[in-house]
Amino acid sequence: MKLSRTSWLFLGVGIVVILAVSLAVALSQQNSDRERLNQELVITRLQMEKYSLEDLSGRTEELQKELTTAEAKLKSARASLLQLIESIEACDTLLVIAEDYDVHVSEFRSGASNGTDIEGISCMFLPVIINVEGDIEDIVDFINEWTEEYPTGAVRALLIEVREESDGEEETEDEAQTKARINMYIYTCGGN
């Protein structure tokens, strides 16, 4: 099949039109990409101008201060955790010994660990307050055993309330109990 000159002309014009439209679309896409990149470049330059080298140096100092504060908080949290662990261990030991000596612990409190200096040695101490009830002999044995368990402990104060038997009246078990309040420091020295 032979194409006429007119057909060839229409075919050529069609191909040229298709190429021209494709080229126009490509150029249009390229222009819109260039515009978008120029806008991003302007925004980036504005941001870079906003943060000068001096500002970044100032920010470094600020971040260093924040890091120092965070490290101090971490150290404090570790000290609190250590204090809590020591308190839990002391309470656990106390309850085991109390059970062995048939002494009832009605209250156990420990305060915040504090620092002190003993004969030039820096130490920490955990204040502990215990209220117990039982026979006087059992309470004394309990205190002796507990101070043996904690040889770095020192009984700071001991208040004993002895219930005396009433004449002619039969006592209940609760009335016959002796009560004691023990204030003790448990010292830890070196490495803390």
N, C-alpha and C. Protein backbone atom coordinates (compact mmCIF):
# COMPACT_ATOMS: atom_id res chain seq x y z
N MET A 1 0.83 -1.15 0.00
CA MET A 1 0.00 0.00 0.00
C MET A 1 0.88 1.23 0.00
N LYS A 2 0.48 2.02 -0.91
CA LYS A 2 1.24 3.22 -1.11
C LYS A 2 0.48 4.38 -0.53
N LEU A 3 1.27 5.23 0.20
CA LEU A 3 0.64 6.39 0.79
C LEU A 3 0.83 7.58 -0.13
N SER A 4 -0.17 8.35 -0.14
CA SER A 4 -0.09 9.55 -0.98
C SER A 4 0.70 10.61 -0.25
N ARG A 5 1.04 11.59 -1.04
CA ARG A 5 1.80 12.68 -0.48
C ARG A 5 1.03 13.37 0.63
N THR A 6 -0.19 13.53 0.54
CA THR A 6 -1.02 14.17 1.55
C THR A 6 -1.02 13.31 2.82
N SER A 7 -1.10 12.02 2.66
CA SER A 7 -1.08 11.14 3.82
C SER A 7 0.25 11.25 4.55
N TRP A 8 1.33 11.29 3.73
CA TRP A 8 2.66 11.44 4.34
C TRP A 8 2.75 12.78 5.07
N LEU A 9 2.16 13.77 4.51
CA LEU A 9 2.19 15.09 5.12
C LEU A 9 1.43 15.08 6.45
N PHE A 10 0.25 14.49 6.46
CA PHE A 10 -0.54 14.41 7.70
C PHE A 10 0.18 13.54 8.74
N LEU A 11 0.78 12.48 8.27
CA LEU A 11 1.51 11.61 9.17
C LEU A 11 2.71 12.36 9.77
N GLY A 12 3.45 13.09 8.98
CA GLY A 12 4.58 13.88 9.45
C GLY A 12 4.15 14.96 10.42
N VAL A 13 3.05 15.67 10.05
CA VAL A 13 2.53 16.72 10.94
C VAL A 13 2.06 16.10 12.25
N GLY A 14 1.44 14.96 12.24
CA GLY A 14 0.97 14.27 13.46
C GLY A 14 2.13 13.90 14.36
N ILE A 15 3.20 13.37 13.72
CA ILE A 15 4.37 13.00 14.51
C ILE A 15 5.00 14.24 15.12
N VAL A 16 5.11 15.33 14.35
CA VAL A 16 5.68 16.57 14.86
C VAL A 16 4.81 17.12 15.98
N VAL A 17 3.50 17.07 15.85
CA VAL A 17 2.60 17.57 16.89
C VAL A 17 2.76 16.73 18.16
N ILE A 18 2.84 15.41 18.01
CA ILE A 18 3.01 14.53 19.18
C ILE A 18 4.33 14.83 19.87
N LEU A 19 5.40 14.99 19.07
CA LEU A 19 6.70 15.32 19.66
C LEU A 19 6.66 16.69 20.34
N ALA A 20 5.99 17.65 19.71
CA ALA A 20 5.91 18.99 20.29
C ALA A 20 5.13 18.97 21.60
N VAL A 21 4.04 18.25 21.66
CA VAL A 21 3.24 18.16 22.87
C VAL A 21 4.05 17.45 23.97
N SER A 22 4.73 16.37 23.62
CA SER A 22 5.56 15.64 24.60
C SER A 22 6.65 16.54 25.13
N LEU A 23 7.29 17.29 24.24
CA LEU A 23 8.35 18.20 24.64
C LEU A 23 7.79 19.31 25.54
N ALA A 24 6.61 19.83 25.19
CA ALA A 24 5.98 20.88 26.00
C ALA A 24 5.65 20.36 27.40
N VAL A 25 5.13 19.14 27.49
CA VAL A 25 4.80 18.54 28.79
C VAL A 25 6.07 18.35 29.60
N ALA A 26 7.14 17.85 28.97
CA ALA A 26 8.41 17.64 29.67
C ALA A 26 8.97 18.97 30.17
N LEU A 27 8.92 20.00 29.33
CA LEU A 27 9.41 21.32 29.74
C LEU A 27 8.57 21.89 30.89
N SER A 28 7.28 21.70 30.79
CA SER A 28 6.40 22.18 31.85
C SER A 28 6.71 21.48 33.17
N GLN A 29 6.91 20.17 33.14
CA GLN A 29 7.26 19.40 34.34
C GLN A 29 8.61 19.86 34.90
N GLN A 30 9.54 20.10 33.99
CA GLN A 30 10.86 20.55 34.40
C GLN A 30 10.79 21.93 35.07
N ASN A 31 9.96 22.81 34.52
CA ASN A 31 9.79 24.15 35.10
C ASN A 31 9.15 24.07 36.49
N SER A 32 8.15 23.22 36.64
CA SER A 32 7.50 23.10 37.96
C SER A 32 8.47 22.49 38.99
N ASP A 33 9.30 21.52 38.55
CA ASP A 33 10.31 20.96 39.45
C ASP A 33 11.33 22.02 39.84
N ARG A 34 11.74 22.84 38.88
CA ARG A 34 12.71 23.90 39.15
C ARG A 34 12.12 24.90 40.14
N GLU A 35 10.86 25.24 39.97
CA GLU A 35 10.20 26.18 40.88
C GLU A 35 10.14 25.61 42.31
N ARG A 36 9.77 24.34 42.41
CA ARG A 36 9.69 23.69 43.73
C ARG A 36 11.06 23.65 44.39
N LEU A 37 12.10 23.30 43.64
CA LEU A 37 13.45 23.25 44.18
C LEU A 37 13.94 24.64 44.60
N ASN A 38 13.58 25.67 43.81
CA ASN A 38 13.95 27.03 44.18
C ASN A 38 13.29 27.44 45.49
N GLN A 39 12.03 27.07 45.66
CA GLN A 39 11.32 27.39 46.91
C GLN A 39 11.98 26.67 48.10
N GLU A 40 12.31 25.41 47.92
CA GLU A 40 12.98 24.66 48.98
C GLU A 40 14.34 25.27 49.30
N LEU A 41 15.05 25.71 48.27
CA LEU A 41 16.35 26.34 48.47
C LEU A 41 16.22 27.63 49.27
N VAL A 42 15.21 28.42 48.97
CA VAL A 42 14.98 29.66 49.70
C VAL A 42 14.67 29.35 51.16
N ILE A 43 13.83 28.36 51.42
CA ILE A 43 13.48 27.98 52.80
C ILE A 43 14.71 27.48 53.54
N THR A 44 15.51 26.68 52.88
CA THR A 44 16.74 26.16 53.50
C THR A 44 17.70 27.28 53.82
N ARG A 45 17.86 28.22 52.92
CA ARG A 45 18.76 29.36 53.17
C ARG A 45 18.26 30.18 54.36
N LEU A 46 16.94 30.38 54.44
CA LEU A 46 16.39 31.12 55.58
C LEU A 46 16.67 30.38 56.89
N GLN A 47 16.52 29.08 56.87
CA GLN A 47 16.78 28.29 58.07
C GLN A 47 18.26 28.35 58.44
N MET A 48 19.13 28.30 57.44
CA MET A 48 20.57 28.36 57.72
C MET A 48 20.96 29.73 58.27
N GLU A 49 20.33 30.79 57.76
CA GLU A 49 20.62 32.12 58.28
C GLU A 49 20.13 32.25 59.72
N LYS A 50 19.05 31.57 60.02
CA LYS A 50 18.46 31.62 61.35
C LYS A 50 19.43 31.03 62.38
N TYR A 51 20.14 29.98 62.02
CA TYR A 51 21.08 29.32 62.92
C TYR A 51 22.51 29.67 62.51
N SER A 52 23.01 30.69 63.11
CA SER A 52 24.40 31.06 62.84
C SER A 52 25.30 30.16 63.67
N LEU A 53 26.57 30.20 63.39
CA LEU A 53 27.53 29.37 64.11
C LEU A 53 27.55 29.73 65.59
N GLU A 54 27.40 30.99 65.92
CA GLU A 54 27.38 31.41 67.32
C GLU A 54 26.16 30.84 68.05
N ASP A 55 25.02 30.84 67.33
CA ASP A 55 23.82 30.27 67.94
C ASP A 55 24.01 28.80 68.23
N LEU A 56 24.65 28.10 67.30
CA LEU A 56 24.87 26.68 67.51
C LEU A 56 25.84 26.45 68.66
N SER A 57 26.83 27.32 68.82
CA SER A 57 27.75 27.21 69.96
C SER A 57 26.99 27.42 71.26
N GLY A 58 26.11 28.41 71.27
CA GLY A 58 25.28 28.66 72.46
C GLY A 58 24.38 27.47 72.76
N ARG A 59 23.87 26.86 71.75
CA ARG A 59 23.01 25.69 71.91
C ARG A 59 23.81 24.52 72.49
N THR A 60 25.07 24.41 72.08
CA THR A 60 25.93 23.35 72.62
C THR A 60 26.10 23.53 74.11
N GLU A 61 26.34 24.77 74.55
CA GLU A 61 26.49 25.04 75.98
C GLU A 61 25.20 24.72 76.73
N GLU A 62 24.08 25.09 76.13
CA GLU A 62 22.78 24.82 76.76
C GLU A 62 22.57 23.31 76.89
N LEU A 63 22.88 22.58 75.83
CA LEU A 63 22.72 21.13 75.87
C LEU A 63 23.68 20.49 76.88
N GLN A 64 24.87 21.04 77.02
CA GLN A 64 25.83 20.54 77.99
C GLN A 64 25.28 20.73 79.42
N LYS A 65 24.65 21.89 79.66
CA LYS A 65 24.05 22.14 80.98
C LYS A 65 22.91 21.15 81.24
N GLU A 66 22.09 20.90 80.21
CA GLU A 66 21.00 19.93 80.35
C GLU A 66 21.55 18.54 80.65
N LEU A 67 22.65 18.18 79.98
CA LEU A 67 23.28 16.88 80.22
C LEU A 67 23.79 16.79 81.65
N THR A 68 24.41 17.84 82.14
CA THR A 68 24.92 17.86 83.51
C THR A 68 23.76 17.71 84.51
N THR A 69 22.66 18.41 84.25
CA THR A 69 21.48 18.30 85.11
C THR A 69 20.92 16.88 85.08
N ALA A 70 20.83 16.31 83.89
CA ALA A 70 20.31 14.94 83.76
C ALA A 70 21.21 13.94 84.48
N GLU A 71 22.53 14.12 84.38
CA GLU A 71 23.45 13.22 85.08
C GLU A 71 23.29 13.35 86.59
N ALA A 72 23.08 14.57 87.09
CA ALA A 72 22.87 14.77 88.52
C ALA A 72 21.58 14.09 88.98
N LYS A 73 20.53 14.21 88.16
CA LYS A 73 19.26 13.54 88.50
C LYS A 73 19.43 12.02 88.50
N LEU A 74 20.21 11.51 87.54
CA LEU A 74 20.46 10.07 87.49
C LEU A 74 21.21 9.61 88.73
N LYS A 75 22.21 10.37 89.15
CA LYS A 75 22.97 10.04 90.35
C LYS A 75 22.06 10.03 91.57
N SER A 76 21.18 11.02 91.65
CA SER A 76 20.23 11.10 92.76
C SER A 76 19.27 9.91 92.74
N ALA A 77 18.79 9.56 91.54
CA ALA A 77 17.87 8.42 91.42
C ALA A 77 18.56 7.13 91.82
N ARG A 78 19.84 6.98 91.43
CA ARG A 78 20.59 5.77 91.82
C ARG A 78 20.75 5.71 93.33
N ALA A 79 21.04 6.86 93.96
CA ALA A 79 21.19 6.90 95.41
C ALA A 79 19.87 6.53 96.08
N SER A 80 18.76 7.03 95.55
CA SER A 80 17.44 6.68 96.10
C SER A 80 17.17 5.20 95.96
N LEU A 81 17.52 4.66 94.80
CA LEU A 81 17.30 3.24 94.56
C LEU A 81 18.16 2.41 95.50
N LEU A 82 19.41 2.81 95.69
CA LEU A 82 20.29 2.10 96.62
C LEU A 82 19.72 2.16 98.03
N GLN A 83 19.22 3.33 98.41
CA GLN A 83 18.62 3.49 99.73
C GLN A 83 17.41 2.57 99.86
N LEU A 84 16.59 2.51 98.83
CA LEU A 84 15.41 1.66 98.85
C LEU A 84 15.81 0.19 98.97
N ILE A 85 16.82 -0.21 98.22
CA ILE A 85 17.29 -1.60 98.27
C ILE A 85 17.81 -1.91 99.67
N GLU A 86 18.62 -1.01 100.24
CA GLU A 86 19.14 -1.22 101.60
C GLU A 86 18.00 -1.32 102.60
N SER A 87 17.00 -0.47 102.45
CA SER A 87 15.85 -0.47 103.36
C SER A 87 15.08 -1.78 103.24
N ILE A 88 14.89 -2.26 102.01
CA ILE A 88 14.17 -3.52 101.79
C ILE A 88 14.95 -4.68 102.40
N GLU A 89 16.27 -4.70 102.17
CA GLU A 89 17.10 -5.77 102.73
C GLU A 89 17.05 -5.74 104.25
N ALA A 90 17.14 -4.55 104.84
CA ALA A 90 17.09 -4.43 106.30
C ALA A 90 15.74 -4.91 106.83
N CYS A 91 14.68 -4.52 106.16
CA CYS A 91 13.33 -4.92 106.58
C CYS A 91 13.16 -6.44 106.48
N ASP A 92 13.64 -7.02 105.38
CA ASP A 92 13.52 -8.46 105.18
C ASP A 92 14.26 -9.21 106.29
N THR A 93 15.49 -8.79 106.56
CA THR A 93 16.29 -9.43 107.62
C THR A 93 15.60 -9.27 108.96
N LEU A 94 15.10 -8.07 109.21
CA LEU A 94 14.42 -7.79 110.47
C LEU A 94 13.21 -8.72 110.66
N LEU A 95 12.41 -8.91 109.63
CA LEU A 95 11.22 -9.74 109.75
C LEU A 95 11.57 -11.21 109.97
N VAL A 96 12.63 -11.68 109.32
CA VAL A 96 13.07 -13.06 109.52
C VAL A 96 13.52 -13.27 110.96
N ILE A 97 14.33 -12.34 111.47
CA ILE A 97 14.83 -12.46 112.84
C ILE A 97 13.67 -12.33 113.84
N ALA A 98 12.73 -11.42 113.57
CA ALA A 98 11.57 -11.25 114.47
C ALA A 98 10.76 -12.54 114.54
N GLU A 99 10.59 -13.19 113.42
CA GLU A 99 9.85 -14.46 113.40
C GLU A 99 10.59 -15.52 114.21
N ASP A 100 11.92 -15.56 114.07
CA ASP A 100 12.72 -16.55 114.82
C ASP A 100 12.59 -16.35 116.32
N TYR A 101 12.45 -15.11 116.78
CA TYR A 101 12.39 -14.82 118.21
C TYR A 101 10.97 -14.54 118.71
N ASP A 102 9.98 -14.83 117.89
CA ASP A 102 8.57 -14.67 118.25
C ASP A 102 8.28 -13.24 118.71
N VAL A 103 8.81 -12.28 117.94
CA VAL A 103 8.58 -10.86 118.20
C VAL A 103 7.74 -10.33 117.04
N HIS A 104 6.72 -9.55 117.38
CA HIS A 104 5.84 -8.98 116.36
C HIS A 104 6.31 -7.57 116.01
N VAL A 105 6.59 -7.33 114.72
CA VAL A 105 6.98 -6.00 114.26
C VAL A 105 5.70 -5.26 113.88
N SER A 106 5.39 -4.22 114.63
CA SER A 106 4.16 -3.47 114.35
C SER A 106 4.42 -2.28 113.42
N GLU A 107 5.69 -1.86 113.34
CA GLU A 107 6.01 -0.73 112.45
C GLU A 107 7.49 -0.79 112.09
N PHE A 108 7.77 -0.48 110.82
CA PHE A 108 9.15 -0.38 110.33
C PHE A 108 9.21 0.83 109.42
N ARG A 109 10.06 1.78 109.76
CA ARG A 109 10.24 2.97 108.92
C ARG A 109 11.71 3.23 108.74
N SER A 110 12.05 3.69 107.54
CA SER A 110 13.43 4.14 107.33
C SER A 110 13.37 5.49 106.65
N GLY A 111 14.27 6.35 107.04
CA GLY A 111 14.34 7.68 106.46
C GLY A 111 15.31 7.71 105.29
N ALA A 112 15.60 8.90 104.85
CA ALA A 112 16.53 9.08 103.74
C ALA A 112 17.95 8.84 104.24
N SER A 113 18.76 8.24 103.37
CA SER A 113 20.18 8.05 103.70
C SER A 113 20.84 9.42 103.83
N ASN A 114 21.72 9.53 104.80
CA ASN A 114 22.44 10.77 105.04
C ASN A 114 23.93 10.48 105.11
N GLY A 115 24.71 11.48 104.84
CA GLY A 115 26.16 11.33 104.92
C GLY A 115 26.68 11.87 106.23
N THR A 116 27.78 11.30 106.70
CA THR A 116 28.43 11.77 107.91
C THR A 116 29.91 11.44 107.82
N ASP A 117 30.69 11.98 108.72
CA ASP A 117 32.12 11.75 108.75
C ASP A 117 32.46 11.13 110.09
N ILE A 118 32.99 9.90 110.07
CA ILE A 118 33.35 9.21 111.30
C ILE A 118 34.86 8.99 111.30
N GLU A 119 35.54 9.65 112.23
CA GLU A 119 36.99 9.51 112.34
C GLU A 119 37.69 9.76 111.00
N GLY A 120 37.21 10.73 110.25
CA GLY A 120 37.82 11.09 108.97
C GLY A 120 37.39 10.22 107.79
N ILE A 121 36.48 9.29 108.03
CA ILE A 121 35.99 8.41 106.96
C ILE A 121 34.58 8.85 106.59
N SER A 122 34.37 9.08 105.29
CA SER A 122 33.04 9.49 104.82
C SER A 122 32.13 8.27 104.77
N CYS A 123 31.00 8.37 105.44
CA CYS A 123 30.05 7.25 105.51
C CYS A 123 28.63 7.73 105.22
N MET A 124 27.80 6.80 104.84
CA MET A 124 26.36 7.04 104.70
C MET A 124 25.67 6.24 105.80
N PHE A 125 24.55 6.76 106.29
CA PHE A 125 23.79 5.97 107.26
C PHE A 125 22.32 6.01 106.90
N LEU A 126 21.68 4.87 107.15
CA LEU A 126 20.26 4.71 106.91
C LEU A 126 19.56 4.67 108.26
N PRO A 127 18.77 5.71 108.60
CA PRO A 127 18.06 5.68 109.87
C PRO A 127 16.85 4.74 109.80
N VAL A 128 16.72 3.91 110.82
CA VAL A 128 15.65 2.92 110.85
C VAL A 128 14.94 3.03 112.20
N ILE A 129 13.61 3.02 112.16
CA ILE A 129 12.80 3.04 113.39
C ILE A 129 11.90 1.82 113.35
N ILE A 130 11.93 1.04 114.46
CA ILE A 130 11.15 -0.19 114.52
C ILE A 130 10.33 -0.19 115.80
N ASN A 131 9.07 -0.54 115.70
CA ASN A 131 8.23 -0.78 116.87
C ASN A 131 7.95 -2.27 116.91
N VAL A 132 8.24 -2.90 118.06
CA VAL A 132 8.04 -4.34 118.21
C VAL A 132 7.26 -4.62 119.48
N GLU A 133 6.68 -5.82 119.51
CA GLU A 133 5.95 -6.28 120.69
C GLU A 133 6.32 -7.73 120.94
N GLY A 134 6.37 -8.11 122.21
CA GLY A 134 6.69 -9.49 122.57
C GLY A 134 7.14 -9.56 124.01
N ASP A 135 7.65 -10.72 124.39
CA ASP A 135 8.21 -10.87 125.74
C ASP A 135 9.52 -10.11 125.80
N ILE A 136 9.85 -9.56 126.98
CA ILE A 136 11.04 -8.74 127.13
C ILE A 136 12.31 -9.51 126.76
N GLU A 137 12.38 -10.80 127.14
CA GLU A 137 13.57 -11.60 126.81
C GLU A 137 13.69 -11.77 125.29
N ASP A 138 12.56 -12.02 124.65
CA ASP A 138 12.56 -12.20 123.19
C ASP A 138 12.97 -10.91 122.49
N ILE A 139 12.52 -9.78 123.00
CA ILE A 139 12.88 -8.49 122.39
C ILE A 139 14.38 -8.24 122.52
N VAL A 140 14.94 -8.53 123.69
CA VAL A 140 16.38 -8.34 123.90
C VAL A 140 17.16 -9.27 122.96
N ASP A 141 16.75 -10.53 122.87
CA ASP A 141 17.42 -11.48 121.97
C ASP A 141 17.29 -11.03 120.51
N PHE A 142 16.13 -10.52 120.17
CA PHE A 142 15.89 -10.02 118.81
C PHE A 142 16.85 -8.87 118.49
N ILE A 143 17.00 -7.91 119.42
CA ILE A 143 17.89 -6.76 119.20
C ILE A 143 19.34 -7.24 119.06
N ASN A 144 19.75 -8.17 119.93
CA ASN A 144 21.11 -8.71 119.84
C ASN A 144 21.37 -9.38 118.49
N GLU A 145 20.44 -10.19 118.06
CA GLU A 145 20.61 -10.90 116.79
C GLU A 145 20.64 -9.92 115.62
N TRP A 146 19.77 -8.92 115.67
CA TRP A 146 19.72 -7.97 114.56
C TRP A 146 21.00 -7.14 114.48
N THR A 147 21.53 -6.73 115.61
CA THR A 147 22.79 -5.97 115.58
C THR A 147 23.96 -6.85 115.17
N GLU A 148 23.86 -8.17 115.41
CA GLU A 148 24.90 -9.08 114.90
C GLU A 148 24.78 -9.20 113.38
N GLU A 149 23.56 -9.21 112.86
CA GLU A 149 23.34 -9.26 111.41
C GLU A 149 23.84 -8.00 110.73
N TYR A 150 23.71 -6.88 111.41
CA TYR A 150 24.16 -5.59 110.90
C TYR A 150 25.23 -5.04 111.85
N PRO A 151 26.46 -5.55 111.75
CA PRO A 151 27.51 -5.10 112.67
C PRO A 151 27.86 -3.62 112.48
N THR A 152 27.48 -3.04 111.35
CA THR A 152 27.72 -1.62 111.15
C THR A 152 26.53 -0.80 111.64
N GLY A 153 25.60 -1.45 112.29
CA GLY A 153 24.44 -0.75 112.82
C GLY A 153 24.69 -0.31 114.25
N ALA A 154 24.03 0.76 114.63
CA ALA A 154 24.16 1.27 116.00
C ALA A 154 22.78 1.64 116.50
N VAL A 155 22.43 1.08 117.66
CA VAL A 155 21.16 1.44 118.28
C VAL A 155 21.34 2.82 118.88
N ARG A 156 20.57 3.79 118.40
CA ARG A 156 20.70 5.17 118.86
C ARG A 156 19.79 5.45 120.05
N ALA A 157 18.64 4.80 120.06
CA ALA A 157 17.70 5.00 121.17
C ALA A 157 16.82 3.76 121.29
N LEU A 158 16.47 3.45 122.53
CA LEU A 158 15.62 2.29 122.79
C LEU A 158 14.64 2.68 123.89
N LEU A 159 13.37 2.57 123.58
CA LEU A 159 12.32 2.89 124.55
C LEU A 159 11.50 1.62 124.75
N ILE A 160 11.48 1.12 125.97
CA ILE A 160 10.75 -0.11 126.26
C ILE A 160 9.61 0.21 127.21
N GLU A 161 8.45 -0.28 126.88
CA GLU A 161 7.25 -0.11 127.72
C GLU A 161 6.84 -1.51 128.19
N VAL A 162 7.04 -1.77 129.46
CA VAL A 162 6.73 -3.09 130.02
C VAL A 162 5.35 -3.03 130.65
N ARG A 163 4.51 -3.95 130.28
CA ARG A 163 3.16 -4.04 130.87
C ARG A 163 3.24 -4.96 132.09
N GLU A 164 2.84 -4.43 133.21
CA GLU A 164 2.89 -5.23 134.43
C GLU A 164 1.56 -5.95 134.61
N GLU A 165 1.67 -7.09 135.30
CA GLU A 165 0.46 -7.88 135.54
C GLU A 165 -0.42 -7.19 136.57
N SER A 166 -1.71 -7.24 136.36
CA SER A 166 -2.66 -6.67 137.31
C SER A 166 -2.92 -7.68 138.42
N ASP A 167 -3.16 -7.20 139.63
CA ASP A 167 -3.44 -8.10 140.75
C ASP A 167 -4.81 -8.72 140.59
N GLY A 168 -4.84 -10.03 140.60
CA GLY A 168 -6.09 -10.76 140.60
C GLY A 168 -6.78 -10.83 139.25
N GLU A 169 -6.33 -10.10 138.30
CA GLU A 169 -6.99 -10.16 137.00
C GLU A 169 -6.16 -11.01 136.06
N GLU A 170 -6.83 -11.75 135.24
CA GLU A 170 -6.14 -12.57 134.26
C GLU A 170 -5.84 -11.71 133.04
N GLU A 171 -4.62 -11.79 132.56
CA GLU A 171 -4.23 -10.97 131.42
C GLU A 171 -4.53 -11.67 130.11
N THR A 172 -4.85 -10.87 129.13
CA THR A 172 -4.95 -11.43 127.78
C THR A 172 -3.55 -11.40 127.19
N GLU A 173 -3.39 -12.09 126.10
CA GLU A 173 -2.06 -12.15 125.49
C GLU A 173 -1.57 -10.77 125.07
N ASP A 174 -2.47 -9.91 124.55
CA ASP A 174 -2.09 -8.56 124.13
C ASP A 174 -1.65 -7.70 125.31
N GLU A 175 -2.30 -7.88 126.44
CA GLU A 175 -1.96 -7.07 127.61
C GLU A 175 -0.61 -7.45 128.18
N ALA A 176 -0.18 -8.69 128.02
CA ALA A 176 1.07 -9.17 128.59
C ALA A 176 2.28 -8.79 127.74
N GLN A 177 2.07 -8.23 126.59
CA GLN A 177 3.16 -7.91 125.67
C GLN A 177 3.95 -6.69 126.12
N THR A 178 5.26 -6.76 125.92
CA THR A 178 6.13 -5.62 126.12
C THR A 178 6.29 -4.95 124.77
N LYS A 179 6.31 -3.62 124.77
CA LYS A 179 6.48 -2.88 123.53
C LYS A 179 7.82 -2.18 123.56
N ALA A 180 8.47 -2.11 122.40
CA ALA A 180 9.77 -1.43 122.32
C ALA A 180 9.82 -0.63 121.03
N ARG A 181 10.43 0.53 121.12
CA ARG A 181 10.68 1.38 119.94
C ARG A 181 12.20 1.50 119.83
N ILE A 182 12.72 1.06 118.68
CA ILE A 182 14.18 1.03 118.48
C ILE A 182 14.53 2.00 117.35
N ASN A 183 15.41 2.95 117.66
CA ASN A 183 15.95 3.85 116.63
C ASN A 183 17.38 3.39 116.36
N MET A 184 17.66 3.08 115.10
CA MET A 184 18.95 2.53 114.75
C MET A 184 19.48 3.18 113.49
N TYR A 185 20.80 3.31 113.37
CA TYR A 185 21.45 3.74 112.14
C TYR A 185 22.22 2.55 111.58
N ILE A 186 22.08 2.31 110.29
CA ILE A 186 22.87 1.29 109.63
C ILE A 186 23.87 2.05 108.75
N TYR A 187 25.16 1.92 109.08
CA TYR A 187 26.21 2.65 108.38
C TYR A 187 26.77 1.84 107.22
N THR A 188 27.10 2.54 106.14
CA THR A 188 27.86 1.96 105.04
C THR A 188 28.96 2.96 104.71
N CYS A 189 30.19 2.47 104.69
CA CYS A 189 31.34 3.34 104.49
C CYS A 189 32.13 2.89 103.27
N GLY A 190 32.68 3.86 102.57
CA GLY A 190 33.56 3.56 101.44
C GLY A 190 32.80 3.05 100.24
N GLY A 191 33.05 3.63 99.08
CA GLY A 191 32.45 3.18 97.83
C GLY A 191 31.04 3.64 97.62
N ASN A 192 30.41 4.35 98.53
CA ASN A 192 29.04 4.81 98.36
C ASN A 192 29.00 6.29 98.17
